[in-house]
N, C-alpha and C. Protein backbone atom coordinates (compact mmCIF):
# COMPACT_ATOMS: atom_id res chain seq x y z
N UNK A 1 79.01 86.70 98.41
CA UNK A 1 79.49 87.74 98.39
C UNK A 1 79.64 88.73 96.89
N UNK A 2 79.31 89.94 96.64
CA UNK A 2 79.52 90.14 95.67
C UNK A 2 80.63 90.85 95.22
N UNK A 3 80.88 90.70 93.66
CA UNK A 3 81.98 91.08 92.97
C UNK A 3 82.95 92.42 94.03
N UNK A 4 82.45 93.66 93.87
CA UNK A 4 82.79 94.49 94.58
C UNK A 4 83.31 93.96 95.67
N UNK A 5 82.75 93.72 96.90
CA UNK A 5 83.45 93.11 97.95
C UNK A 5 84.45 92.79 97.99
N UNK A 6 83.98 91.31 97.43
CA UNK A 6 85.46 90.56 97.02
C UNK A 6 86.60 90.86 96.59
N UNK A 7 86.38 92.16 95.48
CA UNK A 7 87.57 92.97 95.41
C UNK A 7 88.55 93.67 96.10
N UNK A 8 87.56 94.24 96.93
CA UNK A 8 87.87 95.16 98.02
C UNK A 8 88.47 94.29 99.32
N UNK A 9 88.32 93.30 99.65
CA UNK A 9 88.66 91.85 100.45
C UNK A 9 90.22 91.74 100.17
N UNK A 10 89.85 91.43 98.62
CA UNK A 10 91.34 90.94 98.10
C UNK A 10 92.47 92.26 98.19
N UNK A 11 91.94 93.04 97.63
CA UNK A 11 92.57 94.04 97.52
C UNK A 11 93.72 94.57 98.85
N UNK A 12 92.96 94.68 99.78
CA UNK A 12 92.86 95.00 101.26
C UNK A 12 94.13 93.90 101.75
N UNK A 13 93.78 92.47 101.76
CA UNK A 13 94.89 91.44 101.97
C UNK A 13 96.01 91.59 101.28
N UNK A 14 95.94 91.99 99.52
CA UNK A 14 97.40 92.14 99.16
C UNK A 14 98.37 93.64 99.73
N UNK A 15 97.31 94.71 100.01
CA UNK A 15 98.35 96.10 100.94
C UNK A 15 98.67 95.36 102.10
N UNK A 16 97.92 94.91 103.18
CA UNK A 16 98.92 94.08 104.08
C UNK A 16 99.70 93.65 104.02
N UNK A 17 99.70 92.46 103.36
CA UNK A 17 100.65 91.57 103.31
C UNK A 17 102.02 92.74 102.29
N UNK A 18 101.99 93.66 101.48
CA UNK A 18 102.79 93.84 100.96
C UNK A 18 103.18 95.12 102.64
N UNK A 19 102.44 95.66 103.40
CA UNK A 19 103.24 96.19 104.08
C UNK A 19 104.09 95.24 105.43
N UNK A 20 103.71 94.23 105.41
CA UNK A 20 104.35 92.88 106.32
C UNK A 20 105.66 93.12 105.73
N UNK A 21 105.65 92.65 104.48
CA UNK A 21 107.05 92.54 103.39
C UNK A 21 108.00 93.65 103.37
N UNK A 22 107.24 94.63 103.52
CA UNK A 22 108.26 95.97 103.55
C UNK A 22 108.78 96.29 104.90
N UNK A 23 108.27 95.99 106.10
CA UNK A 23 108.89 95.94 107.15
C UNK A 23 109.58 95.10 107.43
N UNK A 24 109.57 93.65 106.98
CA UNK A 24 110.88 92.77 106.97
C UNK A 24 111.12 92.67 106.08
N UNK A 25 112.03 93.78 105.15
CA UNK A 25 112.40 93.45 104.00
C UNK A 25 113.82 93.44 104.00
N UNK A 26 114.63 94.37 105.21
CA UNK A 26 115.70 94.29 105.63
C UNK A 26 116.68 92.94 105.82
N UNK A 27 115.75 92.10 106.79
CA UNK A 27 115.97 90.98 107.45
C UNK A 27 116.13 89.63 106.27
N UNK A 28 114.85 89.65 105.16
CA UNK A 28 115.19 88.55 104.60
C UNK A 28 115.60 89.16 102.97
N UNK A 29 115.63 87.86 102.11
CA UNK A 29 115.97 88.28 100.96
C UNK A 29 115.02 88.27 99.43
N UNK A 30 114.15 88.96 99.33
CA UNK A 30 112.77 88.76 98.96
C UNK A 30 112.76 89.69 97.67
N UNK A 31 111.78 89.00 96.57
CA UNK A 31 111.84 90.25 95.80
C UNK A 31 110.30 90.10 95.08
N UNK A 32 109.03 90.64 95.39
CA UNK A 32 108.09 91.14 95.22
C UNK A 32 107.55 92.38 94.58
N UNK A 33 106.41 92.05 94.08
CA UNK A 33 105.60 92.90 93.29
C UNK A 33 104.16 92.41 92.81
N UNK A 34 103.45 94.00 93.05
CA UNK A 34 101.78 93.40 93.15
C UNK A 34 101.56 94.39 91.89
N UNK A 35 100.66 93.45 90.88
CA UNK A 35 100.57 93.52 89.41
C UNK A 35 98.69 92.98 89.42
N UNK A 36 98.24 93.91 89.00
CA UNK A 36 96.59 93.81 88.65
C UNK A 36 95.70 92.88 89.69
N UNK A 37 95.70 91.97 89.89
CA UNK A 37 94.78 90.91 90.84
C UNK A 37 95.88 89.62 91.44
N UNK A 38 97.24 89.90 91.29
CA UNK A 38 98.46 89.20 91.48
C UNK A 38 99.60 89.92 92.66
N UNK A 39 99.63 89.00 93.38
CA UNK A 39 100.87 89.37 94.02
C UNK A 39 102.14 87.99 94.09
N UNK A 40 103.33 88.45 93.19
CA UNK A 40 104.50 87.68 92.93
C UNK A 40 105.21 87.70 93.98
N UNK A 41 105.86 86.53 94.90
CA UNK A 41 106.79 86.92 95.97
C UNK A 41 107.96 85.46 95.49
N UNK A 42 109.18 86.16 95.00
CA UNK A 42 110.29 85.69 94.40
C UNK A 42 111.32 85.61 95.68
N UNK A 43 112.04 83.89 96.15
CA UNK A 43 112.70 84.02 97.11
C UNK A 43 114.12 83.86 96.83
N UNK A 44 115.29 83.75 97.25
CA UNK A 44 116.89 83.86 96.67
C UNK A 44 116.76 82.69 96.30
N UNK A 45 115.92 81.67 96.97
CA UNK A 45 116.50 80.30 96.10
C UNK A 45 115.54 80.16 94.88
N UNK A 46 115.10 80.87 94.22
CA UNK A 46 114.46 80.74 92.75
C UNK A 46 113.21 80.60 93.20
N UNK A 47 112.30 80.12 94.61
CA UNK A 47 111.14 79.52 94.22
C UNK A 47 110.00 80.55 94.73
N UNK A 48 109.12 80.84 94.38
CA UNK A 48 108.10 81.86 94.35
C UNK A 48 106.66 81.24 95.21
N UNK A 49 106.13 82.37 95.59
CA UNK A 49 104.78 82.09 96.00
C UNK A 49 103.94 83.25 95.19
N UNK A 50 103.21 82.95 94.82
CA UNK A 50 102.11 83.84 93.74
C UNK A 50 100.41 83.75 94.41
N UNK A 51 100.07 85.29 94.40
CA UNK A 51 98.82 84.88 95.21
C UNK A 51 97.94 85.56 94.17
N UNK A 52 97.27 85.03 93.54
CA UNK A 52 95.66 85.74 92.61
C UNK A 52 94.66 85.43 92.97
N UNK A 53 93.59 86.55 92.32
CA UNK A 53 91.99 86.01 92.65
C UNK A 53 91.35 85.34 91.88
N UNK A 54 90.61 85.00 92.05
CA UNK A 54 89.52 84.16 90.92
C UNK A 54 87.87 84.44 91.57
N UNK A 55 87.86 85.55 90.95
CA UNK A 55 86.75 86.45 91.01
C UNK A 55 85.42 85.49 90.71
N UNK A 56 85.34 84.80 89.72
CA UNK A 56 84.08 83.79 89.68
C UNK A 56 83.57 82.90 90.61
N UNK A 57 84.99 82.58 91.32
CA UNK A 57 84.86 81.55 92.25
C UNK A 57 84.83 82.33 93.50
N UNK A 58 85.09 83.48 94.01
CA UNK A 58 84.79 84.27 94.90
C UNK A 58 86.10 83.73 96.00
N UNK A 59 87.32 83.46 94.91
CA UNK A 59 88.53 82.56 96.01
C UNK A 59 89.88 83.15 96.10
N UNK A 60 90.64 83.44 97.14
CA UNK A 60 91.80 83.87 96.70
C UNK A 60 92.74 82.56 96.52
N UNK A 61 93.80 82.59 95.55
CA UNK A 61 94.25 80.96 95.42
C UNK A 61 95.71 81.69 95.58
N UNK A 62 96.37 80.55 96.13
CA UNK A 62 97.74 80.82 96.97
C UNK A 62 98.81 79.53 96.14
N UNK A 63 99.85 80.06 95.37
CA UNK A 63 100.71 78.89 94.54
C UNK A 63 101.35 78.69 95.16
N UNK A 64 102.21 77.68 95.49
CA UNK A 64 103.71 77.89 96.36
C UNK A 64 104.11 76.70 95.78
N UNK A 65 106.17 76.46 95.89
CA UNK A 65 106.39 75.64 94.80
C UNK A 65 105.94 73.84 95.61
N UNK A 66 105.54 73.77 96.83
CA UNK A 66 105.32 72.60 97.43
C UNK A 66 103.45 72.20 96.72
N UNK A 67 102.59 73.18 97.15
CA UNK A 67 101.27 72.97 96.76
C UNK A 67 100.47 74.12 96.69
N UNK A 68 99.31 74.08 96.21
CA UNK A 68 98.18 75.21 95.72
C UNK A 68 97.58 75.13 97.02
N UNK A 69 96.84 76.25 97.71
CA UNK A 69 95.33 76.37 98.27
C UNK A 69 94.58 77.43 97.72
N UNK A 70 93.06 77.02 97.97
CA UNK A 70 92.02 77.62 97.59
C UNK A 70 91.16 78.08 98.54
N UNK A 71 91.36 79.64 98.95
CA UNK A 71 91.07 80.27 100.33
C UNK A 71 89.29 80.99 99.70
N UNK A 72 88.44 81.07 100.50
CA UNK A 72 87.44 81.29 100.63
C UNK A 72 87.52 82.68 102.12
N UNK A 73 86.99 83.56 101.50
CA UNK A 73 86.81 84.46 102.64
C UNK A 73 85.55 84.14 103.87
N UNK A 74 86.05 84.03 105.23
CA UNK A 74 84.86 83.76 105.85
C UNK A 74 85.75 84.56 107.86
N UNK A 75 84.72 84.90 108.31
CA UNK A 75 84.99 85.50 109.61
C UNK A 75 86.05 86.16 109.58
N UNK A 76 86.02 87.20 108.84
CA UNK A 76 87.16 88.38 108.69
C UNK A 76 88.42 87.76 108.53
N UNK A 77 88.60 86.77 107.54
CA UNK A 77 89.91 86.23 107.32
C UNK A 77 89.59 85.07 105.83
N UNK A 78 90.60 84.70 105.52
CA UNK A 78 90.38 83.89 104.28
C UNK A 78 91.25 82.54 104.82
N UNK A 79 90.26 81.23 104.39
CA UNK A 79 90.64 80.17 104.96
C UNK A 79 90.63 79.15 103.72
N UNK A 80 91.56 78.19 103.57
CA UNK A 80 91.60 77.16 102.71
C UNK A 80 90.40 76.05 102.65
N UNK A 81 90.05 75.82 101.40
CA UNK A 81 88.84 75.04 101.59
C UNK A 81 88.98 73.80 101.73
N UNK A 82 90.02 73.48 101.56
CA UNK A 82 91.07 71.85 102.06
C UNK A 82 91.47 71.82 103.22
N UNK A 83 92.37 72.47 103.86
CA UNK A 83 92.95 72.44 105.06
C UNK A 83 92.30 72.86 106.05
N UNK A 84 91.68 73.75 105.90
CA UNK A 84 90.93 74.84 106.85
C UNK A 84 92.13 75.74 107.63
N UNK A 85 93.00 75.95 106.86
CA UNK A 85 93.96 76.50 107.68
C UNK A 85 94.13 78.38 106.84
N UNK A 86 94.12 79.16 107.83
CA UNK A 86 94.19 80.48 107.39
C UNK A 86 95.02 81.14 106.94
N UNK A 87 95.20 82.22 105.99
CA UNK A 87 95.99 82.91 105.31
C UNK A 87 97.23 82.81 105.82
N UNK A 88 96.53 83.36 107.27
CA UNK A 88 97.89 83.98 108.07
C UNK A 88 99.33 82.69 108.40
N UNK A 89 98.39 81.56 109.14
CA UNK A 89 99.22 79.92 108.96
C UNK A 89 100.04 79.94 108.00
N UNK A 90 99.71 79.57 106.76
CA UNK A 90 100.01 78.85 105.38
C UNK A 90 101.23 80.25 105.00
N UNK A 91 100.99 81.26 105.01
CA UNK A 91 102.14 82.36 104.84
C UNK A 91 103.24 82.19 105.78
N UNK A 92 102.63 82.36 106.79
CA UNK A 92 104.14 82.02 107.60
C UNK A 92 104.79 80.67 107.65
N UNK A 93 104.19 79.65 107.35
CA UNK A 93 104.53 77.98 107.02
C UNK A 93 105.52 78.49 106.00
N UNK A 94 104.85 79.06 104.86
CA UNK A 94 105.71 78.85 103.40
C UNK A 94 106.63 79.96 103.72
N UNK A 95 106.90 80.82 104.27
CA UNK A 95 108.01 81.87 104.19
C UNK A 95 108.79 81.06 105.25
N UNK A 96 108.56 80.24 106.25
CA UNK A 96 109.74 79.72 107.05
C UNK A 96 110.53 78.98 106.27
N UNK A 97 109.51 78.07 105.20
CA UNK A 97 110.22 76.84 104.45
C UNK A 97 110.95 77.79 103.67
N UNK A 98 110.69 78.74 103.02
CA UNK A 98 111.70 79.69 101.94
C UNK A 98 112.75 79.75 102.72
N UNK A 99 112.79 80.92 103.94
CA UNK A 99 113.59 81.71 104.65
C UNK A 99 113.91 81.47 105.59
N UNK A 100 113.85 80.21 106.34
CA UNK A 100 114.05 79.88 107.41
C UNK A 100 113.81 81.21 108.98
N UNK A 101 112.98 82.17 108.40
CA UNK A 101 112.97 83.09 109.07
C UNK A 101 111.20 83.33 109.39
N UNK A 102 111.04 83.29 111.12
CA UNK A 102 109.87 83.59 111.38
C UNK A 102 108.57 84.95 110.54
N UNK A 103 108.05 84.96 110.14
CA UNK A 103 107.45 86.66 109.46
C UNK A 103 106.27 86.61 110.22
N UNK A 104 105.50 87.64 110.71
CA UNK A 104 104.33 87.47 111.54
C UNK A 104 103.12 88.10 110.95
N UNK A 105 102.20 87.40 110.44
CA UNK A 105 101.09 87.26 109.08
C UNK A 105 99.60 87.47 110.05
N UNK A 106 99.66 88.05 111.43
CA UNK A 106 98.72 87.98 112.05
C UNK A 106 97.72 88.91 111.66
N UNK A 107 98.22 90.26 110.99
CA UNK A 107 97.43 91.34 110.69
C UNK A 107 96.48 90.45 109.56
N UNK A 108 96.51 89.50 109.22
CA UNK A 108 95.88 88.94 108.00
C UNK A 108 94.34 87.86 109.02
N UNK A 109 94.31 88.15 110.07
CA UNK A 109 93.05 87.10 110.93
C UNK A 109 92.30 88.34 110.72
N UNK A 110 92.46 89.16 110.95
CA UNK A 110 91.39 90.56 110.70
C UNK A 110 90.69 91.39 109.73
N UNK A 111 90.73 91.15 108.09
CA UNK A 111 90.29 91.98 107.38
C UNK A 111 88.87 91.87 106.85
N UNK A 112 88.54 93.61 107.18
CA UNK A 112 87.52 93.73 107.05
C UNK A 112 87.04 94.47 106.06
């Protein structure tokens, strides 16, 4: 994948997540912002989830209070190179841990 294609996929991913979080903003107490190539999500319990791009490696990294994930783009979605979990599953699990609320990230299963 070329750098331009990687950037497009990453930016589209952040926009999809932004849209999902906007829709559930009234149900859960979170603060988040997108800056440059990073999405930072802060929960009311002071924990965070941070998504960043690693252009040289062509990876999307997710850092949580529990662990980190390195994802590569494959078959229209991001997949963790260690756990083989899709980004949607990772975020659903991590958000549930922090908020006890189920958020559907299914839109991340088909990023073109």
